[in-house]
PDB file of N, CA and C in Angstrom:
ATOM      1  N   UNK A   1      67.449 -55.408  44.206  1.00  0.00           N
ATOM      2  CA  UNK A   1      67.824 -54.253  43.449  1.00  0.00           C
ATOM      3  C   UNK A   1      67.083 -53.024  43.958  1.00  0.00           C
ATOM      4  N   UNK A   2      65.802 -53.176  44.233  1.00  0.00           N
ATOM      5  CA  UNK A   2      65.008 -52.056  44.735  1.00  0.00           C
ATOM      6  C   UNK A   2      65.548 -51.588  46.075  1.00  0.00           C
ATOM      7  N   UNK A   3      65.961 -52.531  46.904  1.00  0.00           N
ATOM      8  CA  UNK A   3      66.490 -52.172  48.210  1.00  0.00           C
ATOM      9  C   UNK A   3      67.795 -51.390  48.079  1.00  0.00           C
ATOM     10  N   UNK A   4      68.644 -51.779  47.136  1.00  0.00           N
ATOM     11  CA  UNK A   4      69.904 -51.073  46.925  1.00  0.00           C
ATOM     12  C   UNK A   4      69.634 -49.656  46.435  1.00  0.00           C
ATOM     13  N   UNK A   5      68.739 -49.513  45.477  1.00  0.00           N
ATOM     14  CA  UNK A   5      68.405 -48.181  44.964  1.00  0.00           C
ATOM     15  C   UNK A   5      67.813 -47.324  46.077  1.00  0.00           C
ATOM     16  N   UNK A   6      66.930 -47.915  46.871  1.00  0.00           N
ATOM     17  CA  UNK A   6      66.352 -47.176  47.992  1.00  0.00           C
ATOM     18  C   UNK A   6      67.398 -46.739  48.994  1.00  0.00           C
ATOM     19  N   UNK A   7      68.368 -47.606  49.285  1.00  0.00           N
ATOM     20  CA  UNK A   7      69.439 -47.249  50.216  1.00  0.00           C
ATOM     21  C   UNK A   7      70.287 -46.107  49.675  1.00  0.00           C
ATOM     22  N   UNK A   8      70.597 -46.146  48.386  1.00  0.00           N
ATOM     23  CA  UNK A   8      71.402 -45.084  47.774  1.00  0.00           C
ATOM     24  C   UNK A   8      70.654 -43.755  47.818  1.00  0.00           C
ATOM     25  N   UNK A   9      69.380 -43.774  47.500  1.00  0.00           N
ATOM     26  CA  UNK A   9      68.580 -42.542  47.531  1.00  0.00           C
ATOM     27  C   UNK A   9      68.516 -41.997  48.954  1.00  0.00           C
ATOM     28  N   UNK A  10      68.330 -42.875  49.922  1.00  0.00           N
ATOM     29  CA  UNK A  10      68.283 -42.409  51.310  1.00  0.00           C
ATOM     30  C   UNK A  10      69.606 -41.813  51.755  1.00  0.00           C
ATOM     31  N   UNK A  11      70.712 -42.383  51.330  1.00  0.00           N
ATOM     32  CA  UNK A  11      72.021 -41.829  51.693  1.00  0.00           C
ATOM     33  C   UNK A  11      72.204 -40.445  51.070  1.00  0.00           C
ATOM     34  N   UNK A  12      71.787 -40.277  49.823  1.00  0.00           N
ATOM     35  CA  UNK A  12      71.914 -38.978  49.174  1.00  0.00           C
ATOM     36  C   UNK A  12      71.035 -37.911  49.824  1.00  0.00           C
ATOM     37  N   UNK A  13      69.897 -38.330  50.294  1.00  0.00           N
ATOM     38  CA  UNK A  13      68.963 -37.379  50.903  1.00  0.00           C
ATOM     39  C   UNK A  13      69.147 -37.280  52.411  1.00  0.00           C
ATOM     40  N   UNK A  14      70.111 -37.965  52.978  1.00  0.00           N
ATOM     41  CA  UNK A  14      70.206 -38.091  54.431  1.00  0.00           C
ATOM     42  C   UNK A  14      70.516 -36.774  55.138  1.00  0.00           C
ATOM     43  N   UNK A  15      71.399 -35.963  54.612  1.00  0.00           N
ATOM     44  CA  UNK A  15      71.805 -34.784  55.377  1.00  0.00           C
ATOM     45  C   UNK A  15      70.675 -33.794  55.603  1.00  0.00           C
ATOM     46  N   UNK A  16      69.877 -33.394  54.599  1.00  0.00           N
ATOM     47  CA  UNK A  16      68.791 -32.474  54.925  1.00  0.00           C
ATOM     48  C   UNK A  16      67.676 -33.119  55.740  1.00  0.00           C
ATOM     49  N   UNK A  17      67.491 -34.424  55.552  1.00  0.00           N
ATOM     50  CA  UNK A  17      66.412 -35.096  56.271  1.00  0.00           C
ATOM     51  C   UNK A  17      66.820 -35.388  57.708  1.00  0.00           C
ATOM     52  N   UNK A  18      68.093 -35.681  57.937  1.00  0.00           N
ATOM     53  CA  UNK A  18      68.553 -36.080  59.266  1.00  0.00           C
ATOM     54  C   UNK A  18      68.322 -34.989  60.300  1.00  0.00           C
ATOM     55  N   UNK A  19      68.425 -33.759  59.894  1.00  0.00           N
ATOM     56  CA  UNK A  19      68.210 -32.665  60.841  1.00  0.00           C
ATOM     57  C   UNK A  19      66.746 -32.578  61.264  1.00  0.00           C
ATOM     58  N   UNK A  20      65.845 -33.029  60.415  1.00  0.00           N
ATOM     59  CA  UNK A  20      64.413 -32.899  60.701  1.00  0.00           C
ATOM     60  C   UNK A  20      63.804 -34.153  61.342  1.00  0.00           C
ATOM     61  N   UNK A  21      64.434 -35.298  61.143  1.00  0.00           N
ATOM     62  CA  UNK A  21      63.864 -36.544  61.646  1.00  0.00           C
ATOM     63  C   UNK A  21      64.601 -37.029  62.891  1.00  0.00           C
ATOM     64  N   UNK A  22      63.842 -37.588  63.814  1.00  0.00           N
ATOM     65  CA  UNK A  22      64.464 -38.195  64.988  1.00  0.00           C
ATOM     66  C   UNK A  22      64.916 -39.607  64.621  1.00  0.00           C
ATOM     67  N   UNK A  23      65.794 -40.194  65.434  1.00  0.00           N
ATOM     68  CA  UNK A  23      66.270 -41.550  65.121  1.00  0.00           C
ATOM     69  C   UNK A  23      65.147 -42.580  65.029  1.00  0.00           C
ATOM     70  N   UNK A  24      64.092 -42.439  65.816  1.00  0.00           N
ATOM     71  CA  UNK A  24      63.014 -43.424  65.738  1.00  0.00           C
ATOM     72  C   UNK A  24      62.289 -43.336  64.397  1.00  0.00           C
ATOM     73  N   UNK A  25      62.261 -42.153  63.782  1.00  0.00           N
ATOM     74  CA  UNK A  25      61.622 -42.043  62.470  1.00  0.00           C
ATOM     75  C   UNK A  25      62.440 -42.748  61.390  1.00  0.00           C
ATOM     76  N   UNK A  26      63.755 -42.832  61.564  1.00  0.00           N
ATOM     77  CA  UNK A  26      64.558 -43.585  60.602  1.00  0.00           C
ATOM     78  C   UNK A  26      64.170 -45.061  60.638  1.00  0.00           C
ATOM     79  N   UNK A  27      63.930 -45.575  61.838  1.00  0.00           N
ATOM     80  CA  UNK A  27      63.499 -46.970  61.954  1.00  0.00           C
ATOM     81  C   UNK A  27      62.109 -47.159  61.359  1.00  0.00           C
ATOM     82  N   UNK A  28      61.239 -46.199  61.593  1.00  0.00           N
ATOM     83  CA  UNK A  28      59.906 -46.274  61.001  1.00  0.00           C
ATOM     84  C   UNK A  28      59.971 -46.218  59.480  1.00  0.00           C
ATOM     85  N   UNK A  29      60.810 -45.324  58.963  1.00  0.00           N
ATOM     86  CA  UNK A  29      60.965 -45.220  57.509  1.00  0.00           C
ATOM     87  C   UNK A  29      61.501 -46.529  56.919  1.00  0.00           C
ATOM     88  N   UNK A  30      62.485 -47.130  57.583  1.00  0.00           N
ATOM     89  CA  UNK A  30      63.020 -48.410  57.104  1.00  0.00           C
ATOM     90  C   UNK A  30      61.943 -49.495  57.158  1.00  0.00           C
ATOM     91  N   UNK A  31      61.119 -49.502  58.207  1.00  0.00           N
ATOM     92  CA  UNK A  31      60.046 -50.493  58.318  1.00  0.00           C
ATOM     93  C   UNK A  31      58.998 -50.283  57.233  1.00  0.00           C
ATOM     94  N   UNK A  32      58.674 -49.028  56.940  1.00  0.00           N
ATOM     95  CA  UNK A  32      57.702 -48.726  55.883  1.00  0.00           C
ATOM     96  C   UNK A  32      58.230 -49.193  54.532  1.00  0.00           C
ATOM     97  N   UNK A  33      59.486 -48.890  54.241  1.00  0.00           N
ATOM     98  CA  UNK A  33      60.066 -49.312  52.961  1.00  0.00           C
ATOM     99  C   UNK A  33      60.152 -50.834  52.859  1.00  0.00           C
ATOM    100  N   UNK A  34      60.491 -51.503  53.950  1.00  0.00           N
ATOM    101  CA  UNK A  34      60.539 -52.974  53.937  1.00  0.00           C
ATOM    102  C   UNK A  34      59.142 -53.551  53.719  1.00  0.00           C
ATOM    103  N   UNK A  35      58.132 -52.935  54.331  1.00  0.00           N
ATOM    104  CA  UNK A  35      56.761 -53.393  54.123  1.00  0.00           C
ATOM    105  C   UNK A  35      56.307 -53.208  52.687  1.00  0.00           C
ATOM    106  N   UNK A  36      56.649 -52.067  52.098  1.00  0.00           N
ATOM    107  CA  UNK A  36      56.305 -51.829  50.691  1.00  0.00           C
ATOM    108  C   UNK A  36      56.989 -52.854  49.801  1.00  0.00           C
ATOM    109  N   UNK A  37      58.265 -53.114  50.072  1.00  0.00           N
ATOM    110  CA  UNK A  37      58.995 -54.096  49.274  1.00  0.00           C
ATOM    111  C   UNK A  37      58.383 -55.487  49.416  1.00  0.00           C
ATOM    112  N   UNK A  38      57.936 -55.847  50.607  1.00  0.00           N
ATOM    113  CA  UNK A  38      57.300 -57.144  50.824  1.00  0.00           C
ATOM    114  C   UNK A  38      56.011 -57.263  50.020  1.00  0.00           C
ATOM    115  N   UNK A  39      55.174 -56.240  50.081  1.00  0.00           N
ATOM    116  CA  UNK A  39      53.896 -56.277  49.361  1.00  0.00           C
ATOM    117  C   UNK A  39      54.128 -56.332  47.857  1.00  0.00           C
ATOM    118  N   UNK A  40      55.071 -55.547  47.357  1.00  0.00           N
ATOM    119  CA  UNK A  40      55.364 -55.555  45.919  1.00  0.00           C
ATOM    120  C   UNK A  40      55.903 -56.911  45.493  1.00  0.00           C
ATOM    121  N   UNK A  41      56.729 -57.532  46.340  1.00  0.00           N
ATOM    122  CA  UNK A  41      57.297 -58.838  45.975  1.00  0.00           C
ATOM    123  C   UNK A  41      56.223 -59.907  45.871  1.00  0.00           C
ATOM    124  N   UNK A  42      55.150 -59.776  46.635  1.00  0.00           N
ATOM    125  CA  UNK A  42      54.057 -60.753  46.539  1.00  0.00           C
ATOM    126  C   UNK A  42      53.480 -60.758  45.131  1.00  0.00           C
ATOM    127  N   UNK A  43      53.380 -59.580  44.525  1.00  0.00           N
ATOM    128  CA  UNK A  43      52.738 -59.473  43.214  1.00  0.00           C
ATOM    129  C   UNK A  43      53.712 -59.601  42.044  1.00  0.00           C
ATOM    130  N   UNK A  44      55.010 -59.485  42.268  1.00  0.00           N
ATOM    131  CA  UNK A  44      55.950 -59.511  41.154  1.00  0.00           C
ATOM    132  C   UNK A  44      56.856 -60.735  41.110  1.00  0.00           C
ATOM    133  N   UNK A  45      56.949 -61.508  42.185  1.00  0.00           N
ATOM    134  CA  UNK A  45      57.809 -62.690  42.174  1.00  0.00           C
ATOM    135  C   UNK A  45      56.983 -63.929  41.848  1.00  0.00           C
ATOM    136  N   UNK A  46      57.344 -64.651  40.803  1.00  0.00           N
ATOM    137  CA  UNK A  46      56.547 -65.825  40.416  1.00  0.00           C
ATOM    138  C   UNK A  46      56.861 -67.041  41.270  1.00  0.00           C
ATOM    139  N   UNK A  47      55.939 -67.990  41.259  1.00  0.00           N
ATOM    140  CA  UNK A  47      56.151 -69.282  41.908  1.00  0.00           C
ATOM    141  C   UNK A  47      57.208 -70.042  41.127  1.00  0.00           C
ATOM    142  N   UNK A  48      58.156 -70.653  41.820  1.00  0.00           N
ATOM    143  CA  UNK A  48      59.244 -71.344  41.119  1.00  0.00           C
ATOM    144  C   UNK A  48      59.301 -72.834  41.416  1.00  0.00           C
ATOM    145  N   UNK A  49      58.364 -73.367  42.176  1.00  0.00           N
ATOM    146  CA  UNK A  49      58.386 -74.801  42.491  1.00  0.00           C
ATOM    147  C   UNK A  49      57.518 -75.536  41.471  1.00  0.00           C
ATOM    148  N   UNK A  50      58.157 -76.149  40.523  1.00  0.00           N
ATOM    149  CA  UNK A  50      57.460 -76.926  39.510  1.00  0.00           C
ATOM    150  C   UNK A  50      58.097 -78.303  39.440  1.00  0.00           C
ATOM    151  N   UNK A  51      57.321 -79.279  39.018  1.00  0.00           N
ATOM    152  CA  UNK A  51      57.871 -80.623  38.827  1.00  0.00           C
ATOM    153  C   UNK A  51      58.771 -80.611  37.603  1.00  0.00           C
ATOM    154  N   UNK A  52      59.985 -81.048  37.800  1.00  0.00           N
ATOM    155  CA  UNK A  52      60.950 -81.087  36.707  1.00  0.00           C
ATOM    156  C   UNK A  52      61.459 -82.512  36.547  1.00  0.00           C
ATOM    157  N   UNK A  53      61.789 -82.917  35.329  1.00  0.00           N
ATOM    158  CA  UNK A  53      62.318 -84.270  35.140  1.00  0.00           C
ATOM    159  C   UNK A  53      63.705 -84.409  35.770  1.00  0.00           C
ATOM    160  N   UNK A  54      64.054 -85.611  36.156  1.00  0.00           N
ATOM    161  CA  UNK A  54      65.351 -85.867  36.772  1.00  0.00           C
ATOM    162  C   UNK A  54      66.504 -85.507  35.837  1.00  0.00           C
ATOM    163  N   UNK A  55      66.277 -85.621  34.542  1.00  0.00           N
ATOM    164  CA  UNK A  55      67.365 -85.347  33.601  1.00  0.00           C
ATOM    165  C   UNK A  55      67.711 -83.869  33.534  1.00  0.00           C
ATOM    166  N   UNK A  56      66.868 -82.994  34.087  1.00  0.00           N
ATOM    167  CA  UNK A  56      67.170 -81.568  34.017  1.00  0.00           C
ATOM    168  C   UNK A  56      68.324 -81.180  34.931  1.00  0.00           C
ATOM    169  N   UNK A  57      68.607 -81.984  35.963  1.00  0.00           N
ATOM    170  CA  UNK A  57      69.708 -81.660  36.864  1.00  0.00           C
ATOM    171  C   UNK A  57      70.982 -82.435  36.540  1.00  0.00           C
ATOM    172  N   UNK A  58      70.921 -83.395  35.673  1.00  0.00           N
ATOM    173  CA  UNK A  58      72.094 -84.189  35.305  1.00  0.00           C
ATOM    174  C   UNK A  58      72.713 -83.579  34.055  1.00  0.00           C
ATOM    175  N   UNK A  59      74.015 -83.356  34.095  1.00  0.00           N
ATOM    176  CA  UNK A  59      74.680 -82.751  32.954  1.00  0.00           C
ATOM    177  C   UNK A  59      75.645 -83.750  32.331  1.00  0.00           C
ATOM    178  N   UNK A  60      75.117 -84.584  31.497  1.00  0.00           N
ATOM    179  CA  UNK A  60      75.954 -85.522  30.761  1.00  0.00           C
ATOM    180  C   UNK A  60      75.520 -85.493  29.296  1.00  0.00           C
ATOM    181  N   UNK A  61      76.423 -85.715  28.370  1.00  0.00           N
ATOM    182  CA  UNK A  61      76.060 -85.643  26.946  1.00  0.00           C
ATOM    183  C   UNK A  61      75.004 -86.656  26.535  1.00  0.00           C
ATOM    184  N   UNK A  62      74.982 -87.832  27.202  1.00  0.00           N
ATOM    185  CA  UNK A  62      74.018 -88.858  26.818  1.00  0.00           C
ATOM    186  C   UNK A  62      72.589 -88.427  27.134  1.00  0.00           C
ATOM    187  N   UNK A  63      72.408 -87.735  28.255  1.00  0.00           N
ATOM    188  CA  UNK A  63      71.064 -87.371  28.677  1.00  0.00           C
ATOM    189  C   UNK A  63      70.595 -86.027  28.118  1.00  0.00           C
ATOM    190  N   UNK A  64      71.471 -85.316  27.428  1.00  0.00           N
ATOM    191  CA  UNK A  64      71.091 -83.999  26.906  1.00  0.00           C
ATOM    192  C   UNK A  64      69.975 -84.100  25.875  1.00  0.00           C
ATOM    193  N   UNK A  65      70.056 -85.064  24.977  1.00  0.00           N
ATOM    194  CA  UNK A  65      69.008 -85.235  23.969  1.00  0.00           C
ATOM    195  C   UNK A  65      67.692 -85.645  24.625  1.00  0.00           C
ATOM    196  N   UNK A  66      67.771 -86.498  25.649  1.00  0.00           N
ATOM    197  CA  UNK A  66      66.563 -86.916  26.366  1.00  0.00           C
ATOM    198  C   UNK A  66      65.939 -85.716  27.075  1.00  0.00           C
ATOM    199  N   UNK A  67      66.778 -84.907  27.659  1.00  0.00           N
ATOM    200  CA  UNK A  67      66.279 -83.723  28.373  1.00  0.00           C
ATOM    201  C   UNK A  67      65.583 -82.764  27.408  1.00  0.00           C
ATOM    202  N   UNK A  68      66.171 -82.501  26.262  1.00  0.00           N
ATOM    203  CA  UNK A  68      65.553 -81.591  25.287  1.00  0.00           C
ATOM    204  C   UNK A  68      64.220 -82.139  24.790  1.00  0.00           C
ATOM    205  N   UNK A  69      64.136 -83.434  24.607  1.00  0.00           N
ATOM    206  CA  UNK A  69      62.869 -84.035  24.186  1.00  0.00           C
ATOM    207  C   UNK A  69      61.805 -83.879  25.272  1.00  0.00           C
ATOM    208  N   UNK A  70      62.198 -84.061  26.541  1.00  0.00           N
ATOM    209  CA  UNK A  70      61.245 -83.885  27.633  1.00  0.00           C
ATOM    210  C   UNK A  70      60.795 -82.438  27.766  1.00  0.00           C
ATOM    211  N   UNK A  71      61.699 -81.499  27.533  1.00  0.00           N
ATOM    212  CA  UNK A  71      61.345 -80.081  27.603  1.00  0.00           C
ATOM    213  C   UNK A  71      60.353 -79.733  26.504  1.00  0.00           C
ATOM    214  N   UNK A  72      60.590 -80.216  25.297  1.00  0.00           N
ATOM    215  CA  UNK A  72      59.646 -79.949  24.198  1.00  0.00           C
ATOM    216  C   UNK A  72      58.288 -80.557  24.488  1.00  0.00           C
ATOM    217  N   UNK A  73      58.277 -81.765  25.051  1.00  0.00           N
ATOM    218  CA  UNK A  73      57.015 -82.426  25.374  1.00  0.00           C
ATOM    219  C   UNK A  73      56.268 -81.646  26.462  1.00  0.00           C
ATOM    220  N   UNK A  74      56.993 -81.194  27.480  1.00  0.00           N
ATOM    221  CA  UNK A  74      56.360 -80.428  28.561  1.00  0.00           C
ATOM    222  C   UNK A  74      55.844 -79.088  28.051  1.00  0.00           C
ATOM    223  N   UNK A  75      56.575 -78.456  27.145  1.00  0.00           N
ATOM    224  CA  UNK A  75      56.151 -77.165  26.604  1.00  0.00           C
ATOM    225  C   UNK A  75      54.875 -77.303  25.786  1.00  0.00           C
ATOM    226  N   UNK A  76      54.713 -78.424  25.115  1.00  0.00           N
ATOM    227  CA  UNK A  76      53.496 -78.609  24.327  1.00  0.00           C
ATOM    228  C   UNK A  76      52.316 -79.031  25.202  1.00  0.00           C
ATOM    229  N   UNK A  77      52.590 -79.545  26.399  1.00  0.00           N
ATOM    230  CA  UNK A  77      51.542 -80.056  27.265  1.00  0.00           C
ATOM    231  C   UNK A  77      50.886 -78.954  28.111  1.00  0.00           C
ATOM    232  N   UNK A  78      51.623 -77.916  28.449  1.00  0.00           N
ATOM    233  CA  UNK A  78      51.129 -76.894  29.355  1.00  0.00           C
ATOM    234  C   UNK A  78      50.776 -75.614  28.601  1.00  0.00           C
ATOM    235  N   UNK A  79      49.790 -74.868  29.103  1.00  0.00           N
ATOM    236  CA  UNK A  79      49.442 -73.595  28.467  1.00  0.00           C
ATOM    237  C   UNK A  79      50.539 -72.555  28.719  1.00  0.00           C
ATOM    238  N   UNK A  80      50.556 -71.482  27.956  1.00  0.00           N
ATOM    239  CA  UNK A  80      51.586 -70.463  28.169  1.00  0.00           C
ATOM    240  C   UNK A  80      51.432 -69.787  29.538  1.00  0.00           C
ATOM    241  N   UNK A  81      52.550 -69.311  30.079  1.00  0.00           N
ATOM    242  CA  UNK A  81      52.532 -68.652  31.371  1.00  0.00           C
ATOM    243  C   UNK A  81      51.863 -67.289  31.261  1.00  0.00           C
ATOM    244  N   UNK A  82      51.112 -66.948  32.274  1.00  0.00           N
ATOM    245  CA  UNK A  82      50.505 -65.624  32.375  1.00  0.00           C
ATOM    246  C   UNK A  82      50.834 -65.057  33.746  1.00  0.00           C
ATOM    247  N   UNK A  83      50.500 -63.775  33.940  1.00  0.00           N
ATOM    248  CA  UNK A  83      50.765 -63.155  35.229  1.00  0.00           C
ATOM    249  C   UNK A  83      49.976 -63.857  36.327  1.00  0.00           C
ATOM    250  N   UNK A  84      48.727 -64.205  36.049  1.00  0.00           N
ATOM    251  CA  UNK A  84      47.912 -64.891  37.055  1.00  0.00           C
ATOM    252  C   UNK A  84      48.444 -66.286  37.368  1.00  0.00           C
ATOM    253  N   UNK A  85      48.956 -66.991  36.365  1.00  0.00           N
ATOM    254  CA  UNK A  85      49.507 -68.318  36.648  1.00  0.00           C
ATOM    255  C   UNK A  85      50.798 -68.218  37.458  1.00  0.00           C
ATOM    256  N   UNK A  86      51.538 -67.123  37.291  1.00  0.00           N
ATOM    257  CA  UNK A  86      52.749 -66.921  38.091  1.00  0.00           C
ATOM    258  C   UNK A  86      52.428 -66.579  39.543  1.00  0.00           C
ATOM    259  N   UNK A  87      51.261 -66.030  39.809  1.00  0.00           N
ATOM    260  CA  UNK A  87      50.912 -65.583  41.150  1.00  0.00           C
ATOM    261  C   UNK A  87      50.281 -66.676  42.014  1.00  0.00           C
ATOM    262  N   UNK A  88      50.213 -67.901  41.510  1.00  0.00           N
ATOM    263  CA  UNK A  88      49.686 -68.992  42.331  1.00  0.00           C
ATOM    264  C   UNK A  88      50.569 -69.181  43.557  1.00  0.00           C
ATOM    265  N   UNK A  89      49.943 -69.513  44.685  1.00  0.00           N
ATOM    266  CA  UNK A  89      50.733 -69.721  45.899  1.00  0.00           C
ATOM    267  C   UNK A  89      51.580 -70.980  45.814  1.00  0.00           C
ATOM    268  N   UNK A  90      51.042 -72.028  45.195  1.00  0.00           N
ATOM    269  CA  UNK A  90      51.823 -73.234  44.945  1.00  0.00           C
ATOM    270  C   UNK A  90      51.223 -73.970  43.767  1.00  0.00           C
ATOM    271  N   UNK A  91      52.048 -74.825  43.186  1.00  0.00           N
ATOM    272  CA  UNK A  91      51.634 -75.614  42.037  1.00  0.00           C
ATOM    273  C   UNK A  91      51.518 -77.054  42.504  1.00  0.00           C
ATOM    274  N   UNK A  92      50.390 -77.687  42.229  1.00  0.00           N
ATOM    275  CA  UNK A  92      50.187 -79.064  42.663  1.00  0.00           C
ATOM    276  C   UNK A  92      49.847 -79.127  44.140  1.00  0.00           C
ATOM    277  N   UNK A  93      50.038 -80.303  44.718  1.00  0.00           N
ATOM    278  CA  UNK A  93      49.745 -80.485  46.140  1.00  0.00           C
ATOM    279  C   UNK A  93      50.905 -79.967  46.978  1.00  0.00           C
ATOM    280  N   UNK A  94      50.616 -79.242  48.054  1.00  0.00           N
ATOM    281  CA  UNK A  94      51.698 -78.787  48.933  1.00  0.00           C
ATOM    282  C   UNK A  94      52.338 -79.973  49.655  1.00  0.00           C
ATOM    283  N   UNK A  95      53.623 -79.916  49.831  1.00  0.00           N
ATOM    284  CA  UNK A  95      54.356 -80.985  50.504  1.00  0.00           C
ATOM    285  C   UNK A  95      54.745 -80.487  51.897  1.00  0.00           C
ATOM    286  N   UNK A  96      53.790 -80.554  52.836  1.00  0.00           N
ATOM    287  CA  UNK A  96      53.992 -80.013  54.169  1.00  0.00           C
ATOM    288  C   UNK A  96      55.096 -80.758  54.916  1.00  0.00           C
ATOM    289  N   UNK A  97      55.285 -82.043  54.614  1.00  0.00           N
ATOM    290  CA  UNK A  97      56.305 -82.817  55.333  1.00  0.00           C
ATOM    291  C   UNK A  97      57.709 -82.267  55.054  1.00  0.00           C
ATOM    292  N   UNK A  98      57.938 -81.662  53.908  1.00  0.00           N
ATOM    293  CA  UNK A  98      59.256 -81.083  53.639  1.00  0.00           C
ATOM    294  C   UNK A  98      59.507 -79.864  54.532  1.00  0.00           C
ATOM    295  N   UNK A  99      58.467 -79.077  54.769  1.00  0.00           N
ATOM    296  CA  UNK A  99      58.615 -77.943  55.681  1.00  0.00           C
ATOM    297  C   UNK A  99      58.865 -78.374  57.108  1.00  0.00           C
ATOM    298  N   UNK A 100      58.184 -79.443  57.543  1.00  0.00           N
ATOM    299  CA  UNK A 100      58.380 -79.959  58.889  1.00  0.00           C
ATOM    300  C   UNK A 100      59.776 -80.555  59.027  1.00  0.00           C
ATOM    301  N   UNK A 101      60.234 -81.284  58.016  1.00  0.00           N
ATOM    302  CA  UNK A 101      61.577 -81.867  58.100  1.00  0.00           C
ATOM    303  C   UNK A 101      62.662 -80.790  58.100  1.00  0.00           C
ATOM    304  N   UNK A 102      62.370 -79.640  57.513  1.00  0.00           N
ATOM    305  CA  UNK A 102      63.323 -78.534  57.520  1.00  0.00           C
ATOM    306  C   UNK A 102      63.513 -78.000  58.944  1.00  0.00           C
ATOM    307  N   UNK A 103      62.447 -77.989  59.737  1.00  0.00           N
ATOM    308  CA  UNK A 103      62.496 -77.450  61.079  1.00  0.00           C
ATOM    309  C   UNK A 103      63.042 -78.427  62.112  1.00  0.00           C
ATOM    310  N   UNK A 104      63.137 -79.705  61.777  1.00  0.00           N
ATOM    311  CA  UNK A 104      63.631 -80.689  62.734  1.00  0.00           C
ATOM    312  C   UNK A 104      65.130 -80.553  62.914  1.00  0.00           C
ATOM    313  N   UNK A 105      65.551 -80.596  64.153  1.00  0.00           N
ATOM    314  CA  UNK A 105      66.974 -80.501  64.488  1.00  0.00           C
ATOM    315  C   UNK A 105      67.559 -81.894  64.462  1.00  0.00           C
ATOM    316  N   UNK A 106      68.688 -82.021  63.784  1.00  0.00           N
ATOM    317  CA  UNK A 106      69.334 -83.338  63.696  1.00  0.00           C
ATOM    318  C   UNK A 106      70.571 -83.363  64.536  1.00  0.00           C
TER     319      UNK A 106
END
């Protein structure tokens, strides 16, 4: 969303700025904005890899009650989320073998 808003603002401001900036400065400006967006995303995007029960991905009426019971149990077991808990690099042990298997060509 930030990138779209930034692109729209740059398009609106392009005509007066284009006369003053060389083409290489447009690339520099895009690199600066991408760098800012990267740094901001580090602090605002939470970690999303958590252990979830198998029933959370199955959508059948029989397992719905089991899933809700597991969710209530998990909610009572863990402390509430905070900004610092969202900023963890990973939760639990890292699974490096999954990253290596992603890079293997089949």
